[in-house]
Amino acid sequence: MILLCDTHLICYNQGMLWIVGKLFPNFSDYLNTHNIPYGVMWDVSLPVPASYNMPLIKLDFSHPETLGAQIARISPPAPIRAITVAGYENYVVPAAYIAQALRLTGLTISAAQAATDKLKMRAAFSQSCPHFSSAYSSVESWQDIERFIATNDFPVMLKPASLMKSLLVTRNDSIDQLHTNYKNLYQHLDEMYAKYHVATEPRIIIESFLAGSMHTVAGFVDKTGYSLLIPQIVDCLTAGDIGVRDTYLFSRQLPTTCSTTQQHTIMQAARAGVKALELTNTPVHIEIMLTPAGPKIIEIGARIGGYRARMYQHALGYDLYKAAIDTAYGKSVEVIPQRPACCAALELFPDKQGLFIGIENEHKLQQLPSLRHFSLKCRKGQHIGIASQGYKAAAVIMLVHDSRKQLDLDIQMVRQSVKVLID
């Protein structure tokens, strides 16, 4: 067995690893640090950074079904023996087409589509594990929304079927608010799909709002469909949990504060969801809402979740990147914790749209005992905004400490005093 706690990677003599679509910076740093040979099947719609010196295969991802034929017409600069997606959800389906064409380990096309299309995903949950699912409907017109509201109470969630990071997702507490948000979503849907290179038809879904606490589970699925789920669950605080009217995740924290019974039920829902989507040969990132009626699956991604590789490494010594590579090569993984620590990843957004000025009390943030990482995701003068209007985080903070009390104090300080300033 290959252990996640072992940071020394074996030499993969089966050939080079290829990243599909785009290279995630932290993953490339990891590959370079561990001297793992890799190339990138690069999305031609994106400029190639001048610093790149790894082998590239430039492909048009706008029509995933043609990717196999595109590769067949190219003489690859190095052997293709395994592929993986480096955290970008919009390349999960293209990777499945490539895997099928080249007869490599990977997701089936139908499973990849179910893991990236919330309508297909919700349909699979409703059929296979309805007790872990919520009410939903496809939206093609305002009349579809009216039909849903006629049989479901407010609040409701309105969201794109295939975008990530809570982009354009809204909570709606009234018919007037729903109508306004529907018009905004419909107006910007094509633009956002194009901006983030999502090569599927833009669609809209409406769902019942799930009240409760949000949690995520990480894991890896082998070629038989067996899911090895990491037992340490991540607790999440949404914007709504901290009194902000938006849909982004403010924080992700380890270890969980859930009881043993609650953890058991969350894991039951996670396993049922993975099985419902018929996932194989992939990392998984499972979002669960623990409601008064029990756990409900929000969604499942066929990838490592945002910040999870660093969080599990800092808190437990797990090497999720290594596990993802092993999974790509069809190898087994095992999880053994190496150290107990507390970790939180925080995202900062402004209260509304505007031009970025800076971070209020950044000097206090820099002095926090648990601060491990702080980075700005925007430049001064850049137009930024909230997630429900289609914007990503303005800043990211990673906190790590042996003491949960100290970590909680530092999170509280960030909540109260560290703000994104706009003009």
Protein backbone atom coordinates (compact mmCIF):
# COMPACT_ATOMS: atom_id res chain seq x y z
CA MET A 1 0.00 0.00 0.00
CA ILE A 2 1.11 3.59 -0.64
CA LEU A 3 0.73 5.75 2.47
CA LEU A 4 -0.42 9.34 2.33
CA CYS A 5 1.87 10.12 5.24
CA ASP A 6 4.97 9.10 3.25
CA THR A 7 6.17 12.26 1.51
CA HIS A 8 8.84 10.45 -0.51
CA LEU A 9 7.31 9.51 -3.84
CA ILE A 10 8.19 6.30 -5.57
CA CYS A 11 9.49 6.55 -9.11
CA TYR A 12 6.61 5.98 -11.52
CA ASN A 13 8.23 3.85 -14.20
CA GLN A 14 4.99 3.61 -16.20
CA GLY A 15 5.65 6.93 -17.96
CA MET A 16 4.98 10.62 -17.55
CA LEU A 17 2.04 12.14 -15.70
CA TRP A 18 0.00 14.63 -17.75
CA ILE A 19 -2.12 17.43 -16.27
CA VAL A 20 -5.31 18.13 -18.21
CA GLY A 21 -6.30 21.67 -19.14
CA LYS A 22 -4.38 23.97 -16.82
CA LEU A 23 -1.71 23.70 -14.16
CA PHE A 24 -2.69 24.50 -10.56
CA PRO A 25 0.24 26.47 -9.03
CA ASN A 26 0.47 24.54 -5.75
CA PHE A 27 0.35 21.23 -7.60
CA SER A 28 3.13 22.28 -10.00
CA ASP A 29 5.27 23.32 -7.01
CA TYR A 30 4.66 19.90 -5.50
CA LEU A 31 5.62 18.05 -8.69
CA ASN A 32 8.78 20.11 -9.11
CA THR A 33 9.80 19.71 -5.47
CA HIS A 34 9.41 15.93 -5.67
CA ASN A 35 11.09 15.64 -9.09
CA ILE A 36 8.06 14.02 -10.71
CA PRO A 37 8.19 14.26 -14.52
CA TYR A 38 5.02 15.79 -15.95
CA GLY A 39 3.56 17.59 -18.89
CA VAL A 40 0.43 19.66 -19.47
CA MET A 41 -2.34 19.12 -21.99
CA TRP A 42 -2.79 22.87 -22.24
CA ASP A 43 -6.05 24.64 -23.00
CA VAL A 44 -5.31 26.72 -26.11
CA SER A 45 -7.84 29.35 -25.03
CA LEU A 46 -5.40 30.38 -22.28
CA PRO A 47 -2.04 32.16 -22.70
CA VAL A 48 0.99 30.05 -21.80
CA PRO A 49 3.02 31.70 -19.00
CA ALA A 50 6.53 32.63 -20.08
CA SER A 51 7.97 30.72 -17.11
CA TYR A 52 6.65 27.35 -18.33
CA ASN A 53 9.34 24.95 -19.50
CA MET A 54 7.56 21.59 -19.16
CA PRO A 55 6.29 19.56 -22.15
CA LEU A 56 3.00 20.90 -23.53
CA ILE A 57 0.32 19.45 -25.77
CA LYS A 58 -1.93 22.31 -26.88
CA LEU A 59 -5.56 21.24 -27.24
CA ASP A 60 -8.92 22.84 -28.00
CA PHE A 61 -11.21 21.93 -25.07
CA SER A 62 -14.33 23.61 -26.47
CA HIS A 63 -15.54 20.26 -27.85
CA PRO A 64 -14.34 17.53 -25.43
CA GLU A 65 -15.51 14.70 -27.68
CA THR A 66 -12.78 15.66 -30.22
CA LEU A 67 -9.86 15.54 -27.76
CA GLY A 68 -8.92 11.94 -28.51
CA ALA A 69 -8.70 12.66 -32.21
CA GLN A 70 -6.70 15.84 -31.55
CA ILE A 71 -4.10 13.92 -29.53
CA ALA A 72 -3.94 11.19 -32.18
CA ARG A 73 -2.83 13.81 -34.73
CA ILE A 74 -0.01 15.02 -32.47
CA SER A 75 3.31 13.40 -31.68
CA PRO A 76 3.47 13.82 -27.87
CA PRO A 77 6.80 15.12 -26.57
CA ALA A 78 6.77 12.39 -23.89
CA PRO A 79 4.81 9.15 -23.27
CA ILE A 80 1.25 9.50 -21.93
CA ARG A 81 0.69 6.88 -19.23
CA ALA A 82 -1.49 8.68 -16.69
CA ILE A 83 -3.59 11.85 -16.56
CA THR A 84 -5.09 13.92 -13.77
CA VAL A 85 -6.99 17.17 -13.26
CA ALA A 86 -5.16 19.68 -11.08
CA GLY A 87 -8.15 21.05 -9.19
CA TYR A 88 -10.07 22.78 -11.98
CA GLU A 89 -13.57 21.34 -12.25
CA ASN A 90 -14.12 22.48 -15.84
CA TYR A 91 -11.47 20.00 -17.04
CA VAL A 92 -13.00 16.90 -15.41
CA VAL A 93 -15.16 16.03 -18.44
CA PRO A 94 -12.36 16.62 -20.99
CA ALA A 95 -10.09 14.37 -18.93
CA ALA A 96 -12.69 11.60 -19.11
CA TYR A 97 -12.80 11.84 -22.91
CA ILE A 98 -9.00 11.72 -23.07
CA ALA A 99 -8.85 8.72 -20.74
CA GLN A 100 -11.38 6.84 -22.86
CA ALA A 101 -9.61 7.65 -26.13
CA LEU A 102 -6.17 6.65 -24.82
CA ARG A 103 -7.46 3.73 -22.71
CA LEU A 104 -6.02 5.22 -19.54
CA THR A 105 -7.18 5.01 -15.92
CA GLY A 106 -9.86 7.64 -15.33
CA LEU A 107 -13.50 8.52 -14.90
CA THR A 108 -16.11 7.30 -17.34
CA ILE A 109 -17.62 10.09 -19.40
CA SER A 110 -21.06 9.66 -17.81
CA ALA A 111 -19.60 9.81 -14.29
CA ALA A 112 -17.54 12.90 -15.16
CA GLN A 113 -20.66 14.61 -16.50
CA ALA A 114 -22.61 13.72 -13.36
CA ALA A 115 -19.83 15.13 -11.17
CA THR A 116 -19.80 18.49 -12.97
CA ASP A 117 -23.47 19.05 -13.85
CA LYS A 118 -25.63 19.71 -10.78
CA LEU A 119 -28.80 18.68 -12.61
CA LYS A 120 -27.42 15.27 -13.54
CA MET A 121 -25.90 14.97 -10.08
CA ARG A 122 -29.15 15.78 -8.29
CA ALA A 123 -31.04 13.33 -10.52
CA ALA A 124 -28.58 10.57 -9.56
CA PHE A 125 -28.95 11.35 -5.85
CA SER A 126 -32.74 11.44 -6.11
CA GLN A 127 -32.79 8.03 -7.74
CA SER A 128 -30.10 6.24 -5.73
CA CYS A 129 -30.21 7.87 -2.27
CA PRO A 130 -33.27 10.19 -2.07
CA HIS A 131 -33.08 10.43 1.74
CA PHE A 132 -29.74 12.24 1.33
CA SER A 133 -31.01 14.57 -1.40
CA SER A 134 -33.20 17.69 -1.54
CA ALA A 135 -35.97 18.97 -3.81
CA TYR A 136 -34.77 20.53 -7.08
CA SER A 137 -35.83 21.40 -10.61
CA SER A 138 -34.27 22.38 -13.91
CA VAL A 139 -35.00 25.98 -14.92
CA GLU A 140 -35.50 26.86 -18.57
CA SER A 141 -37.97 29.70 -18.01
CA TRP A 142 -39.59 31.73 -15.24
CA GLN A 143 -42.56 29.36 -15.42
CA ASP A 144 -40.33 26.50 -14.20
CA ILE A 145 -39.50 28.58 -11.13
CA GLU A 146 -43.16 29.33 -10.48
CA ARG A 147 -43.99 25.62 -10.66
CA PHE A 148 -41.23 24.81 -8.16
CA ILE A 149 -42.31 27.55 -5.75
CA ALA A 150 -45.89 26.29 -5.87
CA THR A 151 -44.84 23.09 -4.07
CA ASN A 152 -41.75 24.21 -2.12
CA ASP A 153 -41.31 26.84 0.58
CA PHE A 154 -38.88 29.74 0.69
CA PRO A 155 -35.97 30.14 1.01
CA VAL A 156 -34.68 28.51 -2.19
CA MET A 157 -31.29 28.42 -3.90
CA LEU A 158 -30.81 29.46 -7.52
CA LYS A 159 -27.54 28.45 -9.17
CA PRO A 160 -25.77 27.65 -12.44
CA ALA A 161 -25.56 23.91 -13.11
CA SER A 162 -21.83 23.80 -13.86
CA LEU A 163 -19.97 26.68 -12.23
CA MET A 164 -17.78 26.48 -9.12
CA LYS A 165 -16.85 28.64 -6.10
CA SER A 166 -20.47 29.75 -5.46
CA LEU A 167 -20.31 31.93 -8.57
CA LEU A 168 -23.76 33.45 -9.30
CA VAL A 169 -25.35 31.28 -6.58
CA THR A 170 -28.06 33.10 -4.64
CA ARG A 171 -30.30 32.44 -1.65
CA ASN A 172 -33.82 33.74 -2.22
CA ASP A 173 -36.33 34.53 0.54
CA SER A 174 -39.14 36.05 -1.53
CA ILE A 175 -40.63 35.93 -4.99
CA ASP A 176 -39.43 39.46 -5.77
CA GLN A 177 -35.88 38.63 -4.76
CA LEU A 178 -36.02 35.41 -6.76
CA HIS A 179 -37.22 37.26 -9.84
CA THR A 180 -34.40 39.81 -9.59
CA ASN A 181 -31.74 37.15 -9.09
CA TYR A 182 -33.12 35.02 -11.91
CA LYS A 183 -32.87 37.93 -14.35
CA ASN A 184 -29.29 38.63 -13.22
CA LEU A 185 -28.28 34.98 -13.50
CA TYR A 186 -29.88 34.60 -16.92
CA GLN A 187 -28.16 37.78 -18.12
CA HIS A 188 -24.65 36.71 -17.02
CA LEU A 189 -24.81 32.93 -17.44
CA ASP A 190 -23.24 32.65 -20.92
CA GLU A 191 -20.58 35.20 -20.01
CA MET A 192 -19.49 33.29 -16.87
CA TYR A 193 -19.41 29.91 -18.61
CA ALA A 194 -17.18 31.43 -21.29
CA LYS A 195 -14.97 33.22 -18.75
CA TYR A 196 -14.23 29.99 -16.88
CA HIS A 197 -14.03 27.82 -20.01
CA VAL A 198 -16.91 25.51 -19.11
CA ALA A 199 -17.55 23.50 -22.28
CA THR A 200 -21.12 22.48 -21.46
CA GLU A 201 -24.46 24.09 -22.19
CA PRO A 202 -25.23 26.80 -19.60
CA ARG A 203 -28.16 25.68 -17.48
CA ILE A 204 -29.90 26.76 -14.27
CA ILE A 205 -31.10 24.76 -11.27
CA ILE A 206 -33.39 25.72 -8.38
CA GLU A 207 -33.20 23.82 -5.08
CA SER A 208 -34.69 23.87 -1.61
CA PHE A 209 -32.52 25.75 0.87
CA LEU A 210 -30.81 23.43 3.34
CA ALA A 211 -30.59 24.80 6.88
CA GLY A 212 -27.90 23.38 9.13
CA SER A 213 -24.12 23.14 9.41
CA MET A 214 -21.94 22.52 6.36
CA HIS A 215 -19.17 19.91 6.25
CA THR A 216 -16.91 18.35 3.64
CA VAL A 217 -15.32 14.94 3.20
CA ALA A 218 -12.22 14.17 1.14
CA GLY A 219 -11.32 10.83 -0.36
CA PHE A 220 -10.19 8.75 -3.29
CA VAL A 221 -12.06 6.17 -5.38
CA ASP A 222 -10.28 3.23 -7.00
CA LYS A 223 -11.05 1.46 -10.28
CA THR A 224 -13.60 -0.83 -8.61
CA GLY A 225 -15.61 2.08 -7.20
CA TYR A 226 -14.39 1.52 -3.63
CA SER A 227 -14.13 4.88 -1.87
CA LEU A 228 -11.45 5.45 0.74
CA LEU A 229 -12.80 8.45 2.63
CA ILE A 230 -10.55 10.35 5.01
CA PRO A 231 -12.20 10.08 8.43
CA GLN A 232 -11.30 13.63 9.49
CA ILE A 233 -14.21 15.84 8.41
CA VAL A 234 -13.85 19.55 7.61
CA ASP A 235 -16.31 22.03 9.17
CA CYS A 236 -17.32 25.00 7.03
CA LEU A 237 -18.72 28.42 7.87
CA THR A 238 -20.72 30.00 5.07
CA ALA A 239 -21.16 33.71 4.49
CA GLY A 240 -24.67 33.35 5.92
CA ASP A 241 -23.27 31.77 9.09
CA ILE A 242 -21.28 34.95 9.81
CA GLY A 243 -24.15 37.29 8.96
CA VAL A 244 -23.12 38.19 5.41
CA ARG A 245 -25.73 38.05 2.67
CA ASP A 246 -23.76 36.00 0.16
CA THR A 247 -23.10 32.34 -0.68
CA TYR A 248 -19.32 31.88 -0.41
CA LEU A 249 -17.50 29.81 2.21
CA PHE A 250 -15.84 32.05 4.77
CA SER A 251 -13.87 29.29 6.49
CA ARG A 252 -12.95 25.63 6.32
CA GLN A 253 -11.64 24.14 9.58
CA LEU A 254 -9.97 21.00 10.93
CA PRO A 255 -10.59 19.16 13.20
CA THR A 256 -14.37 18.86 13.20
CA THR A 257 -16.53 19.67 16.21
CA CYS A 258 -19.18 17.11 15.16
CA SER A 259 -20.07 14.31 17.55
CA THR A 260 -19.13 10.72 16.74
CA THR A 261 -22.72 10.00 15.74
CA GLN A 262 -22.86 13.03 13.46
CA GLN A 263 -19.58 12.06 11.82
CA HIS A 264 -20.94 8.57 11.16
CA THR A 265 -24.07 9.89 9.44
CA ILE A 266 -22.04 12.36 7.35
CA MET A 267 -19.81 9.51 6.15
CA GLN A 268 -22.87 7.41 5.31
CA ALA A 269 -24.20 10.18 3.08
CA ALA A 270 -20.79 10.71 1.47
CA ARG A 271 -20.41 7.04 0.54
CA ALA A 272 -23.95 6.89 -0.82
CA GLY A 273 -23.31 9.95 -2.99
CA VAL A 274 -20.09 8.59 -4.46
CA LYS A 275 -21.86 5.33 -5.28
CA ALA A 276 -24.81 7.16 -6.84
CA LEU A 277 -22.53 8.98 -9.30
CA GLU A 278 -20.66 5.73 -10.14
CA LEU A 279 -17.31 7.45 -9.67
CA THR A 280 -14.05 5.56 -10.24
CA ASN A 281 -10.33 6.39 -10.45
CA THR A 282 -10.64 9.85 -8.95
CA PRO A 283 -10.19 12.08 -5.93
CA VAL A 284 -13.52 13.15 -4.44
CA HIS A 285 -14.65 16.25 -2.59
CA ILE A 286 -18.06 15.81 -0.95
CA GLU A 287 -20.10 18.69 0.48
CA ILE A 288 -22.73 17.77 3.10
CA MET A 289 -25.27 19.86 4.97
CA LEU A 290 -26.12 18.41 8.39
CA THR A 291 -29.78 19.39 8.77
CA PRO A 292 -32.28 18.67 11.56
CA ALA A 293 -33.61 15.91 9.28
CA GLY A 294 -30.14 14.38 8.87
CA PRO A 295 -27.33 14.83 6.34
CA LYS A 296 -28.12 16.05 2.83
CA ILE A 297 -25.63 16.03 -0.04
CA ILE A 298 -24.98 19.48 -1.51
CA GLU A 299 -22.65 18.29 -4.28
CA ILE A 300 -19.69 16.05 -5.06
CA GLY A 301 -16.63 17.07 -7.07
CA ALA A 302 -14.26 14.67 -8.82
CA ARG A 303 -11.22 16.54 -7.57
CA ILE A 304 -9.34 17.60 -4.45
CA GLY A 305 -11.33 20.39 -2.79
CA GLY A 306 -10.07 23.93 -2.49
CA TYR A 307 -7.23 24.33 0.07
CA ARG A 308 -7.69 20.73 1.22
CA ALA A 309 -4.22 19.52 0.23
CA ARG A 310 -2.58 22.18 2.42
CA MET A 311 -5.11 21.81 5.23
CA TYR A 312 -4.71 18.04 5.58
CA GLN A 313 -0.93 18.34 5.30
CA HIS A 314 -0.75 21.01 8.02
CA ALA A 315 -3.26 19.37 10.39
CA LEU A 316 -2.57 15.66 9.96
CA GLY A 317 0.45 15.08 7.75
CA TYR A 318 -1.63 13.67 4.89
CA ASP A 319 -0.23 14.04 1.39
CA LEU A 320 -3.32 14.42 -0.82
CA TYR A 321 -1.31 15.28 -3.94
CA LYS A 322 0.58 12.01 -3.64
CA ALA A 323 -2.70 10.15 -3.23
CA ALA A 324 -4.10 11.86 -6.34
CA ILE A 325 -1.06 10.82 -8.36
CA ASP A 326 -1.27 7.26 -7.08
CA THR A 327 -4.96 7.21 -8.03
CA ALA A 328 -4.11 8.43 -11.53
CA TYR A 329 -1.73 5.49 -11.93
CA GLY A 330 -4.31 3.04 -10.58
CA LYS A 331 -2.47 2.47 -7.30
CA SER A 332 -3.98 2.05 -3.83
CA VAL A 333 -3.86 4.69 -1.12
CA GLU A 334 -4.10 4.48 2.66
CA VAL A 335 -4.52 7.20 5.29
CA ILE A 336 -2.54 7.24 8.53
CA PRO A 337 -2.43 10.48 10.58
CA GLN A 338 1.04 11.65 11.59
CA ARG A 339 0.31 14.63 13.85
CA PRO A 340 -2.64 16.46 15.40
CA ALA A 341 -2.96 20.17 14.71
CA CYS A 342 -5.70 22.70 13.99
CA CYS A 343 -6.06 24.43 10.66
CA ALA A 344 -8.40 26.90 8.95
CA ALA A 345 -8.55 28.32 5.43
CA LEU A 346 -10.39 31.65 5.17
CA GLU A 347 -11.58 33.59 2.13
CA LEU A 348 -12.20 37.33 2.26
CA PHE A 349 -14.72 39.16 0.09
CA PRO A 350 -15.87 42.80 0.05
CA ASP A 351 -19.40 43.69 1.14
CA LYS A 352 -20.28 44.87 -2.36
CA GLN A 353 -18.78 45.65 -5.75
CA GLY A 354 -16.07 48.28 -6.01
CA LEU A 355 -12.41 49.00 -6.71
CA PHE A 356 -9.95 47.23 -4.42
CA ILE A 357 -8.03 49.53 -2.06
CA GLY A 358 -6.46 47.16 0.45
CA ILE A 359 -7.00 45.08 3.58
CA GLU A 360 -8.07 46.82 6.78
CA ASN A 361 -5.85 45.83 9.75
CA GLU A 362 -3.49 43.79 7.58
CA HIS A 363 -0.72 44.57 10.07
CA LYS A 364 -2.74 42.91 12.84
CA LEU A 365 -3.37 39.91 10.62
CA GLN A 366 0.36 39.53 9.98
CA GLN A 367 0.95 39.32 13.76
CA LEU A 368 -1.49 36.46 14.45
CA PRO A 369 0.22 33.50 16.17
CA SER A 370 -1.42 31.01 13.81
CA LEU A 371 -0.85 32.80 10.50
CA ARG A 372 0.77 30.42 7.99
CA HIS A 373 -0.18 32.02 4.67
CA PHE A 374 -1.75 35.23 3.39
CA SER A 375 -2.18 36.16 -0.25
CA LEU A 376 -4.07 38.79 -2.21
CA LYS A 377 -5.99 37.55 -5.24
CA CYS A 378 -6.53 40.99 -6.74
CA ARG A 379 -4.49 44.10 -7.46
CA LYS A 380 -5.07 47.65 -6.29
CA GLY A 381 -7.74 49.33 -8.39
CA GLN A 382 -9.19 46.04 -9.65
CA HIS A 383 -12.98 45.74 -9.73
CA ILE A 384 -14.08 43.10 -7.19
CA GLY A 385 -17.35 41.98 -5.63
CA ILE A 386 -19.32 39.22 -3.95
CA ALA A 387 -19.62 35.57 -5.01
CA SER A 388 -23.33 35.71 -5.86
CA GLN A 389 -22.51 38.41 -8.43
CA GLY A 390 -19.82 36.27 -10.06
CA TYR A 391 -16.62 37.24 -8.22
CA LYS A 392 -13.95 35.12 -6.53
CA ALA A 393 -12.23 35.87 -3.21
CA ALA A 394 -10.11 38.99 -2.84
CA ALA A 395 -7.76 37.36 -0.32
CA VAL A 396 -6.95 33.96 1.19
CA ILE A 397 -5.67 33.25 4.72
CA MET A 398 -4.33 29.98 6.11
CA LEU A 399 -4.13 29.59 9.91
CA VAL A 400 -2.39 26.68 11.67
CA HIS A 401 -1.82 26.13 15.40
CA ASP A 402 -1.50 23.29 17.90
CA SER A 403 -4.12 24.96 20.12
CA ARG A 404 -7.76 25.02 19.03
CA LYS A 405 -8.35 27.88 21.46
CA GLN A 406 -5.69 30.01 19.78
CA LEU A 407 -6.99 29.14 16.31
CA ASP A 408 -10.53 30.14 17.32
CA LEU A 409 -9.27 33.44 18.77
CA ASP A 410 -7.42 34.23 15.55
CA ILE A 411 -10.44 33.37 13.39
CA GLN A 412 -12.57 35.64 15.56
CA MET A 413 -10.07 38.47 15.13
CA VAL A 414 -10.22 38.08 11.35
CA ARG A 415 -14.04 38.07 11.40
CA GLN A 416 -14.21 41.22 13.50
CA SER A 417 -11.29 43.32 12.25
CA VAL A 418 -9.88 42.20 8.88
CA LYS A 419 -11.93 43.65 6.02
CA VAL A 420 -11.60 44.07 2.28
CA LEU A 421 -11.61 47.80 1.51
CA ILE A 422 -13.12 49.13 -1.71
CA ASP A 423 -13.65 52.53 -3.27
